[in-house]
Amino acid sequence: MKTYCERLRELREKRGLKQSDIAQILETTQQVYSRYENGVNALPIHHLITLCRYYRISADYVLGLNAETPK
């Protein structure tokens, strides 16, 4: 099963986005977002919610509670 860090990277890369693009959406820096993808820092709930809305996916998918891939 993929970790949420791997899913964050996968979601971003499938859309051809850079870490800096997602950081801008989250109103943070690229360095901070990179730490989420690399598992150095935990993803805050408010950023999880923002990403779920942006990607139009459930938090269950990101957290690995649902294996269904988003459309």
C-alpha atoms as a PDB file:
ATOM      1  CA  MET A   1       0.000   0.000   0.000  1.00  0.00           C
ATOM      2  CA  LYS A   2       1.277   3.461  -0.861  1.00  0.00           C
ATOM      3  CA  THR A   3       1.951   6.012   1.820  1.00  0.00           C
ATOM      4  CA  TYR A   4       0.277   9.391   1.723  1.00  0.00           C
ATOM      5  CA  CYS A   5       3.652  10.878   0.764  1.00  0.00           C
ATOM      6  CA  GLU A   6       3.802   8.672  -2.330  1.00  0.00           C
ATOM      7  CA  ARG A   7       0.225   9.532  -3.191  1.00  0.00           C
ATOM      8  CA  LEU A   8       0.908  13.257  -2.932  1.00  0.00           C
ATOM      9  CA  ARG A   9       3.795  12.926  -5.375  1.00  0.00           C
ATOM     10  CA  GLU A  10       1.794  10.703  -7.714  1.00  0.00           C
ATOM     11  CA  LEU A  11      -1.160  13.103  -7.802  1.00  0.00           C
ATOM     12  CA  ARG A  12       1.118  16.054  -8.551  1.00  0.00           C
ATOM     13  CA  GLU A  13       3.179  14.291 -11.213  1.00  0.00           C
ATOM     14  CA  LYS A  14       0.123  12.879 -13.033  1.00  0.00           C
ATOM     15  CA  ARG A  15      -0.980  16.454 -13.612  1.00  0.00           C
ATOM     16  CA  GLY A  16       2.441  17.654 -14.707  1.00  0.00           C
ATOM     17  CA  LEU A  17       2.772  20.024 -11.768  1.00  0.00           C
ATOM     18  CA  LYS A  18       5.893  21.082  -9.911  1.00  0.00           C
ATOM     19  CA  GLN A  19       6.215  21.174  -6.147  1.00  0.00           C
ATOM     20  CA  SER A  20       6.255  24.949  -6.353  1.00  0.00           C
ATOM     21  CA  ASP A  21       2.840  24.886  -8.085  1.00  0.00           C
ATOM     22  CA  ILE A  22       1.292  22.943  -5.213  1.00  0.00           C
ATOM     23  CA  ALA A  23       3.120  25.045  -2.636  1.00  0.00           C
ATOM     24  CA  GLN A  24       1.513  28.129  -4.151  1.00  0.00           C
ATOM     25  CA  ILE A  25      -1.946  26.533  -3.859  1.00  0.00           C
ATOM     26  CA  LEU A  26      -1.210  25.724  -0.206  1.00  0.00           C
ATOM     27  CA  GLU A  27       0.229  29.203   0.383  1.00  0.00           C
ATOM     28  CA  THR A  28       3.511  27.763   1.608  1.00  0.00           C
ATOM     29  CA  THR A  29       6.998  27.343   0.188  1.00  0.00           C
ATOM     30  CA  GLN A  30       8.291  24.671  -2.148  1.00  0.00           C
ATOM     31  CA  GLN A  31      10.690  23.544   0.571  1.00  0.00           C
ATOM     32  CA  VAL A  32       7.852  22.948   3.051  1.00  0.00           C
ATOM     33  CA  TYR A  33       5.805  21.051   0.465  1.00  0.00           C
ATOM     34  CA  SER A  34       8.847  18.951  -0.436  1.00  0.00           C
ATOM     35  CA  ARG A  35       9.080  17.913   3.212  1.00  0.00           C
ATOM     36  CA  TYR A  36       5.492  16.628   3.037  1.00  0.00           C
ATOM     37  CA  GLU A  37       6.231  14.527  -0.046  1.00  0.00           C
ATOM     38  CA  ASN A  38       9.427  13.176   1.506  1.00  0.00           C
ATOM     39  CA  GLY A  39       7.793  12.373   4.836  1.00  0.00           C
ATOM     40  CA  VAL A  40      10.019  14.730   6.817  1.00  0.00           C
ATOM     41  CA  ASN A  41       7.044  16.818   8.011  1.00  0.00           C
ATOM     42  CA  ALA A  42       3.489  15.616   8.556  1.00  0.00           C
ATOM     43  CA  LEU A  43       0.856  17.112   6.273  1.00  0.00           C
ATOM     44  CA  PRO A  44      -1.377  19.455   8.299  1.00  0.00           C
ATOM     45  CA  ILE A  45      -5.118  18.804   8.146  1.00  0.00           C
ATOM     46  CA  HIS A  46      -5.832  22.196   6.560  1.00  0.00           C
ATOM     47  CA  HIS A  47      -3.414  21.378   3.726  1.00  0.00           C
ATOM     48  CA  LEU A  48      -4.955  17.927   3.312  1.00  0.00           C
ATOM     49  CA  ILE A  49      -8.384  19.517   2.928  1.00  0.00           C
ATOM     50  CA  THR A  50      -7.073  22.049   0.418  1.00  0.00           C
ATOM     51  CA  LEU A  51      -5.417  19.311  -1.664  1.00  0.00           C
ATOM     52  CA  CYS A  52      -8.535  17.137  -1.596  1.00  0.00           C
ATOM     53  CA  ARG A  53     -10.588  20.037  -2.890  1.00  0.00           C
ATOM     54  CA  TYR A  54      -7.994  20.930  -5.519  1.00  0.00           C
ATOM     55  CA  TYR A  55      -7.598  17.374  -6.840  1.00  0.00           C
ATOM     56  CA  ARG A  56     -11.297  16.544  -6.233  1.00  0.00           C
ATOM     57  CA  ILE A  57     -10.464  13.406  -4.295  1.00  0.00           C
ATOM     58  CA  SER A  58     -11.267  12.036  -0.870  1.00  0.00           C
ATOM     59  CA  ALA A  59      -8.978  12.277   2.124  1.00  0.00           C
ATOM     60  CA  ASP A  60      -9.395   8.496   2.419  1.00  0.00           C
ATOM     61  CA  TYR A  61      -7.564   8.072  -0.880  1.00  0.00           C
ATOM     62  CA  VAL A  62      -4.685  10.340   0.102  1.00  0.00           C
ATOM     63  CA  LEU A  63      -4.344   8.648   3.494  1.00  0.00           C
ATOM     64  CA  GLY A  64      -4.375   5.170   1.975  1.00  0.00           C
ATOM     65  CA  LEU A  65      -7.708   4.157   3.472  1.00  0.00           C
ATOM     66  CA  ASN A  66      -9.239   3.738   0.009  1.00  0.00           C
ATOM     67  CA  ALA A  67      -7.282   2.109  -2.811  1.00  0.00           C
ATOM     68  CA  GLU A  68      -9.565   3.469  -5.522  1.00  0.00           C
ATOM     69  CA  THR A  69      -7.639   5.690  -7.890  1.00  0.00           C
ATOM     70  CA  PRO A  70      -9.127   9.090  -8.616  1.00  0.00           C
ATOM     71  CA  LYS A  71     -10.449   9.876 -12.078  1.00  0.00           C
END
